[in-house]
């Protein structure tokens, strides 16, 4: 995806450490922030924007997965819907759905 360069500093602020080393937070021109390993420096402000977009999508996916888990539990626990309907609704087989949401 082509992006217009917005410029901005590429120096992040150290905020702590993870198992893989130091962690830095970068603030983008649009106000978003993203975290990256402190040992890696992005090549450009545009690269930071792409990484921020990736992190936002992952955050949304995580929230959506949590909601889906709650809905599947509701379908099974409250309405006793069969795995075949749950599987069909998520685009998979009954067995795959059962394996994903049990245990």
Protein backbone atom coordinates (compact mmCIF):
# COMPACT_ATOMS: atom_id res chain seq x y z
CA UNK A 1 0.00 0.00 0.00
CA UNK A 2 1.55 3.33 -1.03
CA UNK A 3 1.78 5.90 1.75
CA UNK A 4 2.52 9.56 1.86
CA UNK A 5 5.55 10.23 4.02
CA UNK A 6 4.68 12.27 7.08
CA UNK A 7 8.19 12.53 8.39
CA UNK A 8 8.72 12.61 12.14
CA UNK A 9 11.28 11.31 14.59
CA UNK A 10 12.41 7.72 14.47
CA UNK A 11 13.74 7.69 18.02
CA UNK A 12 11.57 5.69 20.37
CA UNK A 13 11.37 5.96 24.13
CA UNK A 14 12.56 3.03 26.25
CA UNK A 15 9.64 1.71 28.28
CA UNK A 16 10.89 -1.57 29.68
CA UNK A 17 11.98 -4.99 28.61
CA UNK A 18 10.57 -8.21 27.29
CA UNK A 19 12.02 -11.71 27.02
CA UNK A 20 13.76 -10.61 23.83
CA UNK A 21 15.28 -7.40 25.23
CA UNK A 22 14.41 -3.73 25.60
CA UNK A 23 11.13 -2.31 24.31
CA UNK A 24 10.71 1.14 22.77
CA UNK A 25 7.53 3.11 22.11
CA UNK A 26 7.31 5.23 18.98
CA UNK A 27 4.77 8.06 18.69
CA UNK A 28 3.50 8.74 15.16
CA UNK A 29 2.48 12.11 13.73
CA UNK A 30 -1.20 11.09 13.90
CA UNK A 31 -0.94 10.39 17.63
CA UNK A 32 -0.80 6.60 17.45
CA UNK A 33 1.85 4.76 19.38
CA UNK A 34 3.45 1.41 18.73
CA UNK A 35 5.92 -0.78 20.56
CA UNK A 36 8.94 -2.40 18.97
CA UNK A 37 11.97 -4.29 20.21
CA UNK A 38 14.61 -1.78 21.26
CA UNK A 39 17.29 -3.61 19.32
CA UNK A 40 15.63 -2.89 15.94
CA UNK A 41 15.36 0.57 14.42
CA UNK A 42 12.75 1.07 11.65
CA UNK A 43 14.04 2.25 8.29
CA UNK A 44 11.58 5.14 7.94
CA UNK A 45 8.53 6.91 9.34
CA UNK A 46 6.50 5.13 6.65
CA UNK A 47 7.72 1.78 7.98
CA UNK A 48 6.54 2.81 11.45
CA UNK A 49 3.10 3.60 10.02
CA UNK A 50 2.82 0.15 8.46
CA UNK A 51 3.87 -1.51 11.70
CA UNK A 52 1.34 0.58 13.65
CA UNK A 53 -1.37 -0.53 11.21
CA UNK A 54 -0.37 -4.17 11.74
CA UNK A 55 -0.51 -3.79 15.51
CA UNK A 56 -3.95 -2.14 15.33
CA UNK A 57 -5.33 -4.98 13.19
CA UNK A 58 -3.96 -7.57 15.62
CA UNK A 59 -5.58 -5.73 18.55
CA UNK A 60 -8.93 -5.73 16.74
CA UNK A 61 -8.55 -9.42 15.87
CA UNK A 62 -7.83 -10.25 19.51
CA UNK A 63 -10.92 -8.36 20.69
CA UNK A 64 -13.05 -10.00 17.99
CA UNK A 65 -11.73 -13.45 18.93
CA UNK A 66 -12.71 -12.82 22.56
CA UNK A 67 -16.23 -11.81 21.47
CA UNK A 68 -16.49 -14.89 19.23
CA UNK A 69 -15.44 -17.14 22.12
CA UNK A 70 -18.19 -15.63 24.29
CA UNK A 71 -20.80 -16.06 21.54
CA UNK A 72 -19.87 -19.69 20.90
CA UNK A 73 -20.09 -20.40 24.63
CA UNK A 74 -23.50 -18.71 24.73
CA UNK A 75 -24.70 -20.69 21.71
CA UNK A 76 -23.62 -23.97 23.27
CA UNK A 77 -24.40 -23.32 26.95
CA UNK A 78 -27.60 -21.25 26.78
CA UNK A 79 -29.17 -22.48 23.55
CA UNK A 80 -27.66 -25.98 23.27
CA UNK A 81 -26.91 -25.43 19.59
CA UNK A 82 -25.11 -28.35 17.92
CA UNK A 83 -21.50 -28.13 16.82
CA UNK A 84 -22.67 -28.53 13.23
CA UNK A 85 -24.44 -25.14 13.36
CA UNK A 86 -21.59 -23.47 15.21
CA UNK A 87 -19.07 -24.89 12.74
CA UNK A 88 -21.14 -23.81 9.76
CA UNK A 89 -21.47 -20.29 11.23
CA UNK A 90 -17.70 -19.89 11.55
CA UNK A 91 -16.93 -21.51 8.21
CA UNK A 92 -15.60 -24.84 9.38
CA UNK A 93 -16.73 -28.35 10.24
CA UNK A 94 -18.53 -29.39 13.39
CA UNK A 95 -15.48 -31.36 14.53
CA UNK A 96 -13.09 -28.46 13.95
CA UNK A 97 -15.38 -26.11 15.91
CA UNK A 98 -15.72 -28.63 18.73
CA UNK A 99 -11.93 -29.01 18.95
CA UNK A 100 -11.42 -25.23 18.88
CA UNK A 101 -13.92 -24.42 21.64
CA UNK A 102 -13.68 -27.35 24.04
CA UNK A 103 -11.03 -28.15 26.63
